[in-house]
Amino acid sequence: MKRILLLFLEFVVLSVPLTWAWRTWLHDPYDHLLFEILDALYVEIGAQHAGRGPVGHRFVSYVPFLVLVAITPQLNRRRLLWGSLLGSLAIFFSHLLLLLVSDVTYTIKGGGTDTVATLFPFLLLTDGLPLLIWFVLARDFLSSIVPGLRELESEARN
């Protein structure tokens, strides 16, 4: 239990300043990059930006993902580096997809609760993807602390 509490403390200690840094220095340039890519795509397909709704503040999802990867014990250097890179790339594409779906949904349905209801599965995907990727990367660590996972892993091997 002490091990888990120390990891939680590490998570908080790293997440707070990194989230502040993201909000202060990285959020606007990242938004700009996403919109530059989407603008080029939209010119090709004849689409336009319609609205962001509950979309933009989700882009901070890199922070908890990278912090979880950084503090996870039992991650070898290769899994740490490749997992961080490929995971970040998957998160990036999920953000592009979310903005694209958001623009299409706002264009077709306008604003309101129906629009948010349509976006909800994509919001869940974008919010949950970093954690799901971390689960895959941290499977050895997780199976060492969650007894049920050890049993599932040994059954899968047989």
N, C-alpha and C. Protein backbone atom coordinates (compact mmCIF):
# COMPACT_ATOMS: atom_id res chain seq x y z
N MET A 1 0.83 -1.20 0.00
CA MET A 1 0.00 0.00 0.00
C MET A 1 0.87 1.26 0.00
N LYS A 2 1.99 1.19 0.72
CA LYS A 2 2.89 2.33 0.77
C LYS A 2 3.43 2.66 -0.63
N ARG A 3 3.71 1.60 -1.40
CA ARG A 3 4.22 1.77 -2.76
C ARG A 3 3.21 2.53 -3.63
N ILE A 4 1.95 2.17 -3.52
CA ILE A 4 0.90 2.82 -4.30
C ILE A 4 0.75 4.28 -3.88
N LEU A 5 0.80 4.55 -2.59
CA LEU A 5 0.68 5.92 -2.11
C LEU A 5 1.84 6.79 -2.59
N LEU A 6 3.05 6.22 -2.62
CA LEU A 6 4.21 6.95 -3.12
C LEU A 6 4.06 7.25 -4.62
N LEU A 7 3.55 6.29 -5.37
CA LEU A 7 3.32 6.52 -6.79
C LEU A 7 2.25 7.59 -7.00
N PHE A 8 1.21 7.56 -6.19
CA PHE A 8 0.17 8.59 -6.29
C PHE A 8 0.75 9.97 -5.98
N LEU A 9 1.58 10.04 -4.94
CA LEU A 9 2.22 11.31 -4.60
C LEU A 9 3.13 11.79 -5.74
N GLU A 10 3.89 10.88 -6.33
CA GLU A 10 4.72 11.23 -7.49
C GLU A 10 3.86 11.77 -8.63
N PHE A 11 2.75 11.10 -8.86
CA PHE A 11 1.84 11.51 -9.93
C PHE A 11 1.36 12.94 -9.71
N VAL A 12 0.94 13.25 -8.50
CA VAL A 12 0.43 14.59 -8.20
C VAL A 12 1.55 15.62 -8.30
N VAL A 13 2.71 15.30 -7.72
CA VAL A 13 3.83 16.24 -7.71
C VAL A 13 4.28 16.57 -9.13
N LEU A 14 4.26 15.61 -10.03
CA LEU A 14 4.65 15.87 -11.41
C LEU A 14 3.52 16.48 -12.24
N SER A 15 2.30 16.06 -11.99
CA SER A 15 1.17 16.51 -12.80
C SER A 15 0.83 17.98 -12.61
N VAL A 16 0.90 18.45 -11.39
CA VAL A 16 0.49 19.83 -11.13
C VAL A 16 1.36 20.84 -11.89
N PRO A 17 2.69 20.79 -11.77
CA PRO A 17 3.47 21.77 -12.54
C PRO A 17 3.41 21.54 -14.05
N LEU A 18 3.33 20.28 -14.48
CA LEU A 18 3.25 20.02 -15.91
C LEU A 18 1.92 20.49 -16.50
N THR A 19 0.85 20.35 -15.75
CA THR A 19 -0.44 20.86 -16.21
C THR A 19 -0.40 22.38 -16.29
N TRP A 20 0.20 23.01 -15.30
CA TRP A 20 0.35 24.46 -15.34
C TRP A 20 1.17 24.88 -16.56
N ALA A 21 2.28 24.17 -16.81
CA ALA A 21 3.12 24.48 -17.97
C ALA A 21 2.34 24.29 -19.27
N TRP A 22 1.55 23.23 -19.34
CA TRP A 22 0.74 22.99 -20.54
C TRP A 22 -0.22 24.15 -20.76
N ARG A 23 -0.93 24.52 -19.71
CA ARG A 23 -1.92 25.59 -19.84
C ARG A 23 -1.26 26.94 -20.14
N THR A 24 -0.07 27.17 -19.61
CA THR A 24 0.59 28.45 -19.77
C THR A 24 1.31 28.59 -21.10
N TRP A 25 2.05 27.55 -21.50
CA TRP A 25 2.92 27.70 -22.68
C TRP A 25 2.60 26.79 -23.86
N LEU A 26 2.00 25.65 -23.62
CA LEU A 26 1.88 24.67 -24.70
C LEU A 26 0.50 24.57 -25.33
N HIS A 27 -0.53 24.93 -24.60
CA HIS A 27 -1.89 24.75 -25.09
C HIS A 27 -2.15 25.54 -26.38
N ASP A 28 -1.81 26.81 -26.39
CA ASP A 28 -2.08 27.63 -27.58
C ASP A 28 -1.28 27.18 -28.80
N PRO A 29 0.04 26.92 -28.67
CA PRO A 29 0.77 26.41 -29.85
C PRO A 29 0.23 25.06 -30.34
N TYR A 30 -0.20 24.21 -29.40
CA TYR A 30 -0.75 22.91 -29.80
C TYR A 30 -2.07 23.11 -30.55
N ASP A 31 -2.93 23.97 -30.03
CA ASP A 31 -4.17 24.30 -30.75
C ASP A 31 -3.87 24.81 -32.15
N HIS A 32 -2.89 25.70 -32.25
CA HIS A 32 -2.51 26.26 -33.54
C HIS A 32 -2.06 25.16 -34.51
N LEU A 33 -1.24 24.23 -34.01
CA LEU A 33 -0.78 23.11 -34.85
C LEU A 33 -1.96 22.27 -35.33
N LEU A 34 -2.87 21.92 -34.42
CA LEU A 34 -4.04 21.13 -34.82
C LEU A 34 -4.87 21.85 -35.88
N PHE A 35 -5.09 23.15 -35.68
CA PHE A 35 -5.91 23.88 -36.63
C PHE A 35 -5.20 24.10 -37.97
N GLU A 36 -3.89 24.20 -37.95
CA GLU A 36 -3.14 24.28 -39.22
C GLU A 36 -3.34 23.00 -40.03
N ILE A 37 -3.25 21.88 -39.37
CA ILE A 37 -3.44 20.59 -40.05
C ILE A 37 -4.87 20.46 -40.53
N LEU A 38 -5.83 20.78 -39.67
CA LEU A 38 -7.23 20.68 -40.06
C LEU A 38 -7.59 21.67 -41.17
N ASP A 39 -7.03 22.88 -41.09
CA ASP A 39 -7.31 23.86 -42.15
C ASP A 39 -6.89 23.34 -43.52
N ALA A 40 -5.72 22.72 -43.57
CA ALA A 40 -5.25 22.15 -44.85
C ALA A 40 -6.18 21.04 -45.31
N LEU A 41 -6.62 20.22 -44.39
CA LEU A 41 -7.56 19.14 -44.74
C LEU A 41 -8.90 19.71 -45.17
N TYR A 42 -9.38 20.72 -44.45
CA TYR A 42 -10.68 21.29 -44.74
C TYR A 42 -10.72 21.97 -46.10
N VAL A 43 -9.60 22.56 -46.52
CA VAL A 43 -9.52 23.16 -47.86
C VAL A 43 -9.75 22.07 -48.91
N GLU A 44 -9.15 20.91 -48.68
CA GLU A 44 -9.27 19.80 -49.63
C GLU A 44 -10.70 19.25 -49.69
N ILE A 45 -11.38 19.17 -48.54
CA ILE A 45 -12.71 18.53 -48.52
C ILE A 45 -13.85 19.54 -48.49
N GLY A 46 -13.52 20.83 -48.44
CA GLY A 46 -14.56 21.86 -48.46
C GLY A 46 -15.29 22.02 -47.14
N ALA A 47 -14.65 21.72 -46.04
CA ALA A 47 -15.28 21.85 -44.72
C ALA A 47 -14.81 23.13 -44.05
N GLN A 48 -15.40 23.43 -42.89
CA GLN A 48 -14.99 24.61 -42.13
C GLN A 48 -15.14 24.34 -40.64
N HIS A 49 -14.47 25.17 -39.85
CA HIS A 49 -14.57 25.05 -38.39
C HIS A 49 -15.93 25.59 -37.96
N ALA A 50 -16.60 24.84 -37.13
CA ALA A 50 -17.95 25.24 -36.73
C ALA A 50 -18.05 25.56 -35.25
N GLY A 51 -17.39 24.85 -34.42
CA GLY A 51 -17.48 25.10 -32.98
C GLY A 51 -16.68 24.08 -32.22
N ARG A 52 -16.28 24.44 -31.02
CA ARG A 52 -15.44 23.53 -30.24
C ARG A 52 -16.22 22.89 -29.11
N GLY A 53 -17.20 23.56 -28.58
CA GLY A 53 -17.97 22.98 -27.48
C GLY A 53 -17.05 22.47 -26.37
N PRO A 54 -17.29 21.25 -25.93
CA PRO A 54 -16.52 20.70 -24.80
C PRO A 54 -15.24 19.99 -25.24
N VAL A 55 -14.59 20.48 -26.29
CA VAL A 55 -13.49 19.74 -26.90
C VAL A 55 -12.11 20.21 -26.45
N GLY A 56 -11.82 21.49 -26.50
CA GLY A 56 -10.47 22.01 -26.38
C GLY A 56 -9.72 21.68 -25.10
N HIS A 57 -10.39 21.72 -23.96
CA HIS A 57 -9.67 21.50 -22.71
C HIS A 57 -9.22 20.05 -22.53
N ARG A 58 -9.65 19.16 -23.38
CA ARG A 58 -9.23 17.75 -23.30
C ARG A 58 -7.82 17.53 -23.84
N PHE A 59 -7.27 18.50 -24.48
CA PHE A 59 -5.96 18.32 -25.09
C PHE A 59 -4.84 18.19 -24.06
N VAL A 60 -5.12 18.44 -22.82
CA VAL A 60 -4.13 18.30 -21.76
C VAL A 60 -3.87 16.82 -21.44
N SER A 61 -4.54 15.92 -22.12
CA SER A 61 -4.43 14.49 -21.82
C SER A 61 -3.03 13.93 -21.99
N TYR A 62 -2.15 14.66 -22.65
CA TYR A 62 -0.75 14.23 -22.72
C TYR A 62 -0.11 14.19 -21.34
N VAL A 63 -0.47 15.14 -20.50
CA VAL A 63 0.20 15.26 -19.20
C VAL A 63 0.00 14.02 -18.34
N PRO A 64 -1.23 13.60 -18.05
CA PRO A 64 -1.35 12.41 -17.21
C PRO A 64 -0.75 11.16 -17.86
N PHE A 65 -0.87 11.05 -19.18
CA PHE A 65 -0.30 9.89 -19.87
C PHE A 65 1.22 9.84 -19.68
N LEU A 66 1.90 10.94 -19.98
CA LEU A 66 3.36 10.94 -19.89
C LEU A 66 3.84 10.83 -18.45
N VAL A 67 3.10 11.40 -17.52
CA VAL A 67 3.46 11.25 -16.11
C VAL A 67 3.30 9.80 -15.67
N LEU A 68 2.20 9.16 -16.04
CA LEU A 68 2.00 7.75 -15.69
C LEU A 68 3.12 6.88 -16.26
N VAL A 69 3.46 7.12 -17.52
CA VAL A 69 4.54 6.35 -18.14
C VAL A 69 5.86 6.60 -17.41
N ALA A 70 6.14 7.85 -17.06
CA ALA A 70 7.41 8.19 -16.42
C ALA A 70 7.55 7.58 -15.03
N ILE A 71 6.46 7.46 -14.28
CA ILE A 71 6.56 6.98 -12.90
C ILE A 71 6.33 5.48 -12.76
N THR A 72 5.96 4.81 -13.84
CA THR A 72 5.65 3.39 -13.75
C THR A 72 6.91 2.56 -13.54
N PRO A 73 6.98 1.83 -12.43
CA PRO A 73 8.11 0.93 -12.22
C PRO A 73 8.05 -0.22 -13.24
N GLN A 74 9.13 -0.87 -13.45
CA GLN A 74 9.24 -2.07 -14.30
C GLN A 74 9.06 -1.78 -15.79
N LEU A 75 9.14 -0.52 -16.20
CA LEU A 75 9.11 -0.22 -17.64
C LEU A 75 10.56 -0.14 -18.11
N ASN A 76 10.91 -1.01 -19.05
CA ASN A 76 12.27 -0.90 -19.58
C ASN A 76 12.35 0.33 -20.48
N ARG A 77 13.56 0.73 -20.77
CA ARG A 77 13.79 1.96 -21.53
C ARG A 77 13.12 1.92 -22.90
N ARG A 78 13.18 0.77 -23.55
CA ARG A 78 12.58 0.65 -24.88
C ARG A 78 11.06 0.85 -24.82
N ARG A 79 10.41 0.18 -23.88
CA ARG A 79 8.96 0.33 -23.75
C ARG A 79 8.60 1.76 -23.34
N LEU A 80 9.41 2.36 -22.49
CA LEU A 80 9.17 3.73 -22.06
C LEU A 80 9.25 4.69 -23.24
N LEU A 81 10.31 4.59 -24.03
CA LEU A 81 10.49 5.52 -25.15
C LEU A 81 9.49 5.27 -26.28
N TRP A 82 9.38 4.02 -26.75
CA TRP A 82 8.46 3.71 -27.84
C TRP A 82 7.00 3.90 -27.40
N GLY A 83 6.72 3.51 -26.17
CA GLY A 83 5.35 3.68 -25.66
C GLY A 83 4.97 5.14 -25.56
N SER A 84 5.90 5.97 -25.08
CA SER A 84 5.63 7.41 -25.00
C SER A 84 5.44 8.01 -26.38
N LEU A 85 6.29 7.63 -27.30
CA LEU A 85 6.20 8.18 -28.66
C LEU A 85 4.92 7.74 -29.38
N LEU A 86 4.69 6.43 -29.42
CA LEU A 86 3.51 5.92 -30.13
C LEU A 86 2.22 6.30 -29.41
N GLY A 87 2.26 6.31 -28.09
CA GLY A 87 1.09 6.73 -27.33
C GLY A 87 0.76 8.19 -27.59
N SER A 88 1.78 9.04 -27.60
CA SER A 88 1.56 10.46 -27.88
C SER A 88 1.03 10.67 -29.29
N LEU A 89 1.53 9.89 -30.22
CA LEU A 89 1.04 9.97 -31.59
C LEU A 89 -0.44 9.56 -31.68
N ALA A 90 -0.80 8.49 -30.98
CA ALA A 90 -2.21 8.06 -30.95
C ALA A 90 -3.10 9.13 -30.32
N ILE A 91 -2.61 9.75 -29.25
CA ILE A 91 -3.37 10.82 -28.60
C ILE A 91 -3.53 12.00 -29.56
N PHE A 92 -2.48 12.35 -30.26
CA PHE A 92 -2.53 13.44 -31.23
C PHE A 92 -3.61 13.17 -32.29
N PHE A 93 -3.62 11.97 -32.85
CA PHE A 93 -4.61 11.65 -33.88
C PHE A 93 -6.03 11.60 -33.29
N SER A 94 -6.15 11.19 -32.04
CA SER A 94 -7.48 11.21 -31.41
C SER A 94 -7.97 12.65 -31.25
N HIS A 95 -7.05 13.59 -30.98
CA HIS A 95 -7.44 15.00 -30.89
C HIS A 95 -7.87 15.55 -32.25
N LEU A 96 -7.13 15.19 -33.30
CA LEU A 96 -7.54 15.60 -34.65
C LEU A 96 -8.92 15.05 -34.99
N LEU A 97 -9.13 13.77 -34.71
CA LEU A 97 -10.42 13.15 -34.99
C LEU A 97 -11.54 13.82 -34.20
N LEU A 98 -11.27 14.12 -32.93
CA LEU A 98 -12.29 14.78 -32.11
C LEU A 98 -12.66 16.14 -32.67
N LEU A 99 -11.67 16.92 -33.09
CA LEU A 99 -11.98 18.22 -33.68
C LEU A 99 -12.75 18.09 -34.99
N LEU A 100 -12.36 17.13 -35.81
CA LEU A 100 -13.06 16.90 -37.07
C LEU A 100 -14.51 16.51 -36.82
N VAL A 101 -14.73 15.56 -35.92
CA VAL A 101 -16.09 15.14 -35.60
C VAL A 101 -16.89 16.29 -34.99
N SER A 102 -16.23 17.06 -34.15
CA SER A 102 -16.89 18.21 -33.53
C SER A 102 -17.35 19.21 -34.58
N ASP A 103 -16.46 19.54 -35.51
CA ASP A 103 -16.83 20.49 -36.56
C ASP A 103 -17.98 19.96 -37.42
N VAL A 104 -17.92 18.70 -37.78
CA VAL A 104 -18.99 18.12 -38.60
C VAL A 104 -20.31 18.11 -37.82
N THR A 105 -20.24 17.73 -36.55
CA THR A 105 -21.46 17.66 -35.73
C THR A 105 -22.07 19.04 -35.53
N TYR A 106 -21.23 20.03 -35.21
CA TYR A 106 -21.76 21.38 -35.03
C TYR A 106 -22.29 21.95 -36.33
N THR A 107 -21.69 21.58 -37.47
CA THR A 107 -22.19 22.05 -38.76
C THR A 107 -23.56 21.46 -39.05
N ILE A 108 -23.72 20.18 -38.78
CA ILE A 108 -24.98 19.51 -39.10
C ILE A 108 -26.07 19.82 -38.08
N LYS A 109 -25.73 19.76 -36.79
CA LYS A 109 -26.76 19.86 -35.75
C LYS A 109 -26.81 21.20 -35.05
N GLY A 110 -25.85 22.06 -35.27
CA GLY A 110 -25.80 23.31 -34.51
C GLY A 110 -25.33 23.01 -33.09
N GLY A 111 -25.69 23.83 -32.15
CA GLY A 111 -25.31 23.61 -30.75
C GLY A 111 -26.39 22.85 -30.01
N GLY A 112 -26.24 22.75 -28.72
CA GLY A 112 -27.27 22.15 -27.89
C GLY A 112 -26.92 20.76 -27.40
N THR A 113 -27.85 20.20 -26.64
CA THR A 113 -27.60 18.92 -25.99
C THR A 113 -27.49 17.77 -26.99
N ASP A 114 -28.19 17.84 -28.10
CA ASP A 114 -28.10 16.79 -29.11
C ASP A 114 -26.69 16.72 -29.70
N THR A 115 -26.08 17.86 -29.87
CA THR A 115 -24.72 17.91 -30.40
C THR A 115 -23.75 17.27 -29.42
N VAL A 116 -23.86 17.63 -28.14
CA VAL A 116 -22.98 17.06 -27.12
C VAL A 116 -23.23 15.55 -26.99
N ALA A 117 -24.47 15.13 -27.09
CA ALA A 117 -24.78 13.70 -27.03
C ALA A 117 -24.12 12.94 -28.18
N THR A 118 -24.09 13.55 -29.35
CA THR A 118 -23.44 12.93 -30.50
C THR A 118 -21.93 12.86 -30.29
N LEU A 119 -21.36 13.90 -29.69
CA LEU A 119 -19.92 13.94 -29.45
C LEU A 119 -19.48 13.06 -28.30
N PHE A 120 -20.40 12.68 -27.42
CA PHE A 120 -20.05 12.00 -26.18
C PHE A 120 -19.15 10.77 -26.37
N PRO A 121 -19.44 9.86 -27.30
CA PRO A 121 -18.54 8.71 -27.47
C PRO A 121 -17.12 9.12 -27.87
N PHE A 122 -17.00 10.16 -28.67
CA PHE A 122 -15.68 10.63 -29.08
C PHE A 122 -14.95 11.31 -27.91
N LEU A 123 -15.72 11.99 -27.07
CA LEU A 123 -15.14 12.59 -25.87
C LEU A 123 -14.60 11.49 -24.94
N LEU A 124 -15.38 10.43 -24.79
CA LEU A 124 -14.93 9.30 -23.96
C LEU A 124 -13.67 8.66 -24.52
N LEU A 125 -13.65 8.48 -25.83
CA LEU A 125 -12.47 7.89 -26.46
C LEU A 125 -11.24 8.76 -26.22
N THR A 126 -11.37 10.04 -26.45
CA THR A 126 -10.24 10.95 -26.27
C THR A 126 -9.79 11.00 -24.81
N ASP A 127 -10.74 10.98 -23.89
CA ASP A 127 -10.39 11.02 -22.47
C ASP A 127 -9.79 9.70 -21.99
N GLY A 128 -10.31 8.59 -22.50
CA GLY A 128 -9.88 7.28 -22.02
C GLY A 128 -8.66 6.71 -22.72
N LEU A 129 -8.38 7.15 -23.92
CA LEU A 129 -7.28 6.58 -24.69
C LEU A 129 -5.93 6.62 -23.97
N PRO A 130 -5.55 7.75 -23.35
CA PRO A 130 -4.26 7.75 -22.65
C PRO A 130 -4.17 6.68 -21.56
N LEU A 131 -5.25 6.49 -20.83
CA LEU A 131 -5.24 5.48 -19.78
C LEU A 131 -5.19 4.07 -20.36
N LEU A 132 -5.91 3.83 -21.43
CA LEU A 132 -5.87 2.51 -22.07
C LEU A 132 -4.48 2.20 -22.61
N ILE A 133 -3.82 3.18 -23.20
CA ILE A 133 -2.46 2.97 -23.70
C ILE A 133 -1.52 2.68 -22.54
N TRP A 134 -1.69 3.42 -21.45
CA TRP A 134 -0.86 3.17 -20.27
C TRP A 134 -1.08 1.77 -19.71
N PHE A 135 -2.34 1.31 -19.69
CA PHE A 135 -2.62 -0.06 -19.24
C PHE A 135 -1.80 -1.08 -20.03
N VAL A 136 -1.72 -0.89 -21.33
CA VAL A 136 -0.95 -1.81 -22.18
C VAL A 136 0.53 -1.72 -21.84
N LEU A 137 1.04 -0.50 -21.72
CA LEU A 137 2.47 -0.32 -21.43
C LEU A 137 2.84 -0.82 -20.04
N ALA A 138 1.94 -0.65 -19.09
CA ALA A 138 2.25 -0.96 -17.69
C ALA A 138 1.73 -2.33 -17.26
N ARG A 139 1.43 -3.20 -18.20
CA ARG A 139 0.80 -4.48 -17.85
C ARG A 139 1.63 -5.30 -16.87
N ASP A 140 2.96 -5.30 -16.99
CA ASP A 140 3.79 -6.06 -16.05
C ASP A 140 3.68 -5.50 -14.64
N PHE A 141 3.76 -4.19 -14.53
CA PHE A 141 3.62 -3.54 -13.23
C PHE A 141 2.23 -3.78 -12.66
N LEU A 142 1.21 -3.58 -13.48
CA LEU A 142 -0.16 -3.76 -13.00
C LEU A 142 -0.43 -5.19 -12.55
N SER A 143 0.11 -6.16 -13.28
CA SER A 143 -0.11 -7.55 -12.88
C SER A 143 0.63 -7.88 -11.58
N SER A 144 1.66 -7.10 -11.24
CA SER A 144 2.37 -7.35 -9.99
C SER A 144 1.64 -6.77 -8.79
N ILE A 145 0.72 -5.83 -9.00
CA ILE A 145 0.01 -5.23 -7.87
C ILE A 145 -1.47 -5.57 -7.82
N VAL A 146 -2.01 -6.10 -8.91
CA VAL A 146 -3.44 -6.47 -8.95
C VAL A 146 -3.53 -7.98 -9.10
N PRO A 147 -3.91 -8.67 -8.02
CA PRO A 147 -3.90 -10.13 -8.04
C PRO A 147 -4.71 -10.75 -9.19
N GLY A 148 -5.86 -10.21 -9.51
CA GLY A 148 -6.68 -10.77 -10.57
C GLY A 148 -6.01 -10.72 -11.93
N LEU A 149 -5.18 -9.72 -12.16
CA LEU A 149 -4.46 -9.61 -13.43
C LEU A 149 -3.39 -10.69 -13.56
N ARG A 150 -2.77 -11.05 -12.44
CA ARG A 150 -1.77 -12.13 -12.48
C ARG A 150 -2.41 -13.43 -12.93
N GLU A 151 -3.60 -13.69 -12.40
CA GLU A 151 -4.30 -14.92 -12.76
C GLU A 151 -4.70 -14.90 -14.23
N LEU A 152 -5.20 -13.77 -14.72
CA LEU A 152 -5.57 -13.66 -16.13
C LEU A 152 -4.35 -13.84 -17.03
N GLU A 153 -3.22 -13.27 -16.61
CA GLU A 153 -2.01 -13.38 -17.41
C GLU A 153 -1.53 -14.82 -17.47
N SER A 154 -1.58 -15.54 -16.35
CA SER A 154 -1.12 -16.93 -16.38
C SER A 154 -2.09 -17.81 -17.16
N GLU A 155 -3.39 -17.51 -17.13
CA GLU A 155 -4.35 -18.26 -17.94
C GLU A 155 -4.13 -18.00 -19.43
N ALA A 156 -3.80 -16.78 -19.79
CA ALA A 156 -3.56 -16.43 -21.19
C ALA A 156 -2.32 -17.13 -21.73
N ARG A 157 -1.35 -17.37 -20.89
CA ARG A 157 -0.14 -18.04 -21.33
C ARG A 157 -0.36 -19.54 -21.55
N ASN A 158 -1.31 -20.10 -20.85
CA ASN A 158 -1.57 -21.55 -20.97
C ASN A 158 -2.44 -21.89 -22.13
